[in-house]
Amino acid sequence: QVQLVESGGGSVQSGGSLRLSCTYSGYSGSRLCMGWFRQTPRKGREGVATLHIGTGKVDYVDSVKGRFTISLDNTKNTVFLQMNSLKQEDTGVYYCAADLSYDANLCDTSRSFNYWGQGTQVAVSS
């Protein structure tokens, strides 16, 4: 059982930056796929970025490429989502997710996840 605790989020003006954090526990191996999803009024739930703990492989949805960066601090079991050049359409509730993934190629924004954080609100104003 993987537990996820999120932090970060908040309100920012368009063009600004925010960083989300997700600390995981309950699993100490490297076959973990971590992901960030968002729930928006326009698109519903959407996979934003994923990172495979063991290989470092990352994947991004096209709309955030070049603006968002997912990264890992393995000393703290924490995954970050650095969000730069934020746009109003990035507004939504952001969720951290995790799932066991023996194959890093299957760790991408289209996969399903079994473990979820509580969600954190991101609001981008004009």
C-alpha atoms as a PDB file:
ATOM      1  CA  GLN A   1       0.000   0.000   0.000  1.00  0.00           C
ATOM      2  CA  VAL A   2       1.523   3.289  -1.127  1.00  0.00           C
ATOM      3  CA  GLN A   3       0.600   6.443   0.733  1.00  0.00           C
ATOM      4  CA  LEU A   4       0.907   9.850  -0.908  1.00  0.00           C
ATOM      5  CA  VAL A   5       0.976  13.257   0.737  1.00  0.00           C
ATOM      6  CA  GLU A   6       0.856  16.332  -1.458  1.00  0.00           C
ATOM      7  CA  SER A   7       1.785  19.911  -0.731  1.00  0.00           C
ATOM      8  CA  GLY A   8       2.116  23.114  -2.689  1.00  0.00           C
ATOM      9  CA  GLY A   9      -0.395  24.653  -5.019  1.00  0.00           C
ATOM     10  CA  GLY A  10      -2.139  27.967  -4.541  1.00  0.00           C
ATOM     11  CA  SER A  11      -2.992  31.009  -6.603  1.00  0.00           C
ATOM     12  CA  VAL A  12      -0.752  32.742  -9.106  1.00  0.00           C
ATOM     13  CA  GLN A  13      -1.048  35.133 -12.005  1.00  0.00           C
ATOM     14  CA  SER A  14      -0.648  34.009 -15.564  1.00  0.00           C
ATOM     15  CA  GLY A  15       3.037  33.564 -16.396  1.00  0.00           C
ATOM     16  CA  GLY A  16       3.929  32.741 -12.821  1.00  0.00           C
ATOM     17  CA  SER A  17       5.330  29.574 -11.264  1.00  0.00           C
ATOM     18  CA  LEU A  18       4.335  27.054  -8.632  1.00  0.00           C
ATOM     19  CA  ARG A  19       5.880  23.856  -7.326  1.00  0.00           C
ATOM     20  CA  LEU A  20       3.946  20.843  -6.132  1.00  0.00           C
ATOM     21  CA  SER A  21       5.438  18.160  -3.903  1.00  0.00           C
ATOM     22  CA  CYS A  22       4.364  14.581  -3.326  1.00  0.00           C
ATOM     23  CA  THR A  23       5.977  12.437  -0.638  1.00  0.00           C
ATOM     24  CA  TYR A  24       5.383   8.719  -0.928  1.00  0.00           C
ATOM     25  CA  SER A  25       5.706   5.969   1.666  1.00  0.00           C
ATOM     26  CA  GLY A  26       4.884   2.290   1.981  1.00  0.00           C
ATOM     27  CA  TYR A  27       7.196   1.202  -0.831  1.00  0.00           C
ATOM     28  CA  SER A  28      10.967   1.243  -0.886  1.00  0.00           C
ATOM     29  CA  GLY A  29      11.804  -0.279  -4.265  1.00  0.00           C
ATOM     30  CA  SER A  30      12.479   1.276  -7.632  1.00  0.00           C
ATOM     31  CA  ARG A  31       9.603  -0.142  -9.691  1.00  0.00           C
ATOM     32  CA  LEU A  32       7.301   2.735  -9.005  1.00  0.00           C
ATOM     33  CA  CYS A  33       5.647   4.949 -11.562  1.00  0.00           C
ATOM     34  CA  MET A  34       4.779   8.368 -10.163  1.00  0.00           C
ATOM     35  CA  GLY A  35       2.426  10.725 -11.876  1.00  0.00           C
ATOM     36  CA  TRP A  36       0.722  14.079 -11.660  1.00  0.00           C
ATOM     37  CA  PHE A  37      -2.836  14.442 -12.897  1.00  0.00           C
ATOM     38  CA  ARG A  38      -5.206  17.365 -12.944  1.00  0.00           C
ATOM     39  CA  GLN A  39      -8.955  17.730 -12.922  1.00  0.00           C
ATOM     40  CA  THR A  40     -10.133  20.737 -14.910  1.00  0.00           C
ATOM     41  CA  PRO A  41     -13.607  21.890 -15.946  1.00  0.00           C
ATOM     42  CA  ARG A  42     -12.593  21.884 -19.600  1.00  0.00           C
ATOM     43  CA  LYS A  43     -10.856  18.504 -19.933  1.00  0.00           C
ATOM     44  CA  GLY A  44     -11.860  16.484 -16.886  1.00  0.00           C
ATOM     45  CA  ARG A  45      -9.043  14.323 -15.470  1.00  0.00           C
ATOM     46  CA  GLU A  46      -5.851  14.549 -17.485  1.00  0.00           C
ATOM     47  CA  GLY A  47      -2.437  13.008 -17.017  1.00  0.00           C
ATOM     48  CA  VAL A  48       0.150  15.796 -16.850  1.00  0.00           C
ATOM     49  CA  ALA A  49       3.505  14.158 -16.158  1.00  0.00           C
ATOM     50  CA  THR A  50       4.966  10.845 -15.077  1.00  0.00           C
ATOM     51  CA  LEU A  51       8.313   9.649 -13.787  1.00  0.00           C
ATOM     52  CA  HIS A  52       9.579   6.105 -13.325  1.00  0.00           C
ATOM     53  CA  ILE A  53      11.512   5.924 -10.072  1.00  0.00           C
ATOM     54  CA  GLY A  54      13.927   3.219 -11.179  1.00  0.00           C
ATOM     55  CA  THR A  55      14.904   4.515 -14.610  1.00  0.00           C
ATOM     56  CA  GLY A  56      14.131   8.226 -14.438  1.00  0.00           C
ATOM     57  CA  LYS A  57      12.048   8.000 -17.587  1.00  0.00           C
ATOM     58  CA  VAL A  58       9.656  10.945 -17.833  1.00  0.00           C
ATOM     59  CA  ASP A  59       6.608  11.689 -19.919  1.00  0.00           C
ATOM     60  CA  TYR A  60       4.544  14.836 -20.350  1.00  0.00           C
ATOM     61  CA  VAL A  61       1.242  15.707 -21.930  1.00  0.00           C
ATOM     62  CA  ASP A  62       1.855  17.948 -24.939  1.00  0.00           C
ATOM     63  CA  SER A  63       0.191  20.997 -23.399  1.00  0.00           C
ATOM     64  CA  VAL A  64       2.799  21.280 -20.614  1.00  0.00           C
ATOM     65  CA  LYS A  65       5.985  20.309 -22.457  1.00  0.00           C
ATOM     66  CA  GLY A  66       8.651  22.960 -22.008  1.00  0.00           C
ATOM     67  CA  ARG A  67       6.789  24.517 -19.078  1.00  0.00           C
ATOM     68  CA  PHE A  68       6.449  21.765 -16.451  1.00  0.00           C
ATOM     69  CA  THR A  69       9.186  19.569 -15.036  1.00  0.00           C
ATOM     70  CA  ILE A  70       8.738  16.438 -12.952  1.00  0.00           C
ATOM     71  CA  SER A  71      11.658  15.436 -10.760  1.00  0.00           C
ATOM     72  CA  LEU A  72      12.619  13.220  -7.849  1.00  0.00           C
ATOM     73  CA  ASP A  73      14.475  13.683  -4.597  1.00  0.00           C
ATOM     74  CA  ASN A  74      15.102  10.040  -3.738  1.00  0.00           C
ATOM     75  CA  THR A  75      16.631  10.948  -0.379  1.00  0.00           C
ATOM     76  CA  LYS A  76      13.226  12.237   0.678  1.00  0.00           C
ATOM     77  CA  ASN A  77      10.963   9.943  -1.393  1.00  0.00           C
ATOM     78  CA  THR A  78       9.484  13.086  -2.862  1.00  0.00           C
ATOM     79  CA  VAL A  79       8.425  13.871  -6.398  1.00  0.00           C
ATOM     80  CA  PHE A  80       8.087  17.471  -7.525  1.00  0.00           C
ATOM     81  CA  LEU A  81       6.163  19.148 -10.297  1.00  0.00           C
ATOM     82  CA  GLN A  82       7.719  22.492 -11.164  1.00  0.00           C
ATOM     83  CA  MET A  83       5.207  24.515 -13.147  1.00  0.00           C
ATOM     84  CA  ASN A  84       6.469  27.576 -15.013  1.00  0.00           C
ATOM     85  CA  SER A  85       4.805  29.965 -17.456  1.00  0.00           C
ATOM     86  CA  LEU A  86       1.442  29.035 -16.013  1.00  0.00           C
ATOM     87  CA  LYS A  87      -1.675  29.708 -18.049  1.00  0.00           C
ATOM     88  CA  GLN A  88      -5.286  30.091 -17.024  1.00  0.00           C
ATOM     89  CA  GLU A  89      -6.067  26.720 -18.601  1.00  0.00           C
ATOM     90  CA  ASP A  90      -3.708  25.093 -16.088  1.00  0.00           C
ATOM     91  CA  THR A  91      -6.211  25.887 -13.351  1.00  0.00           C
ATOM     92  CA  GLY A  92      -7.551  22.807 -11.650  1.00  0.00           C
ATOM     93  CA  VAL A  93      -7.096  20.307  -8.849  1.00  0.00           C
ATOM     94  CA  TYR A  94      -3.780  18.496  -9.139  1.00  0.00           C
ATOM     95  CA  TYR A  95      -3.367  14.957  -7.871  1.00  0.00           C
ATOM     96  CA  CYS A  96      -0.281  12.904  -7.234  1.00  0.00           C
ATOM     97  CA  ALA A  97      -0.571   9.242  -8.228  1.00  0.00           C
ATOM     98  CA  ALA A  98       1.528   6.108  -7.948  1.00  0.00           C
ATOM     99  CA  ASP A  99       1.494   2.579  -9.241  1.00  0.00           C
ATOM    100  CA  LEU A 100       3.886  -0.338  -9.445  1.00  0.00           C
ATOM    101  CA  SER A 101       5.443  -0.538 -12.874  1.00  0.00           C
ATOM    102  CA  TYR A 102       7.998  -3.221 -13.713  1.00  0.00           C
ATOM    103  CA  ASP A 103       8.247  -1.888 -17.250  1.00  0.00           C
ATOM    104  CA  ALA A 104       9.291   1.756 -17.420  1.00  0.00           C
ATOM    105  CA  ASN A 105       7.874   1.973 -20.944  1.00  0.00           C
ATOM    106  CA  LEU A 106       4.412   1.582 -19.422  1.00  0.00           C
ATOM    107  CA  CYS A 107       4.945   4.564 -17.113  1.00  0.00           C
ATOM    108  CA  ASP A 108       3.335   7.389 -19.033  1.00  0.00           C
ATOM    109  CA  THR A 109       0.465   9.834 -18.805  1.00  0.00           C
ATOM    110  CA  SER A 110      -1.987   7.412 -20.416  1.00  0.00           C
ATOM    111  CA  ARG A 111      -1.731   4.643 -17.824  1.00  0.00           C
ATOM    112  CA  SER A 112      -4.057   4.046 -14.908  1.00  0.00           C
ATOM    113  CA  PHE A 113      -2.890   4.384 -11.307  1.00  0.00           C
ATOM    114  CA  ASN A 114      -3.962   2.629  -8.140  1.00  0.00           C
ATOM    115  CA  TYR A 115      -2.792   5.066  -5.486  1.00  0.00           C
ATOM    116  CA  TRP A 116      -3.825   8.700  -5.237  1.00  0.00           C
ATOM    117  CA  GLY A 117      -3.096  11.751  -3.144  1.00  0.00           C
ATOM    118  CA  GLN A 118      -5.733  14.049  -1.721  1.00  0.00           C
ATOM    119  CA  GLY A 119      -5.389  16.723  -4.402  1.00  0.00           C
ATOM    120  CA  THR A 120      -4.269  20.329  -4.254  1.00  0.00           C
ATOM    121  CA  GLN A 121      -5.823  23.357  -5.927  1.00  0.00           C
ATOM    122  CA  VAL A 122      -3.959  25.413  -8.515  1.00  0.00           C
ATOM    123  CA  ALA A 123      -5.583  28.646  -9.631  1.00  0.00           C
ATOM    124  CA  VAL A 124      -4.091  30.798 -12.388  1.00  0.00           C
ATOM    125  CA  SER A 125      -5.616  34.216 -12.960  1.00  0.00           C
ATOM    126  CA  SER A 126      -5.136  36.662 -15.807  1.00  0.00           C
END
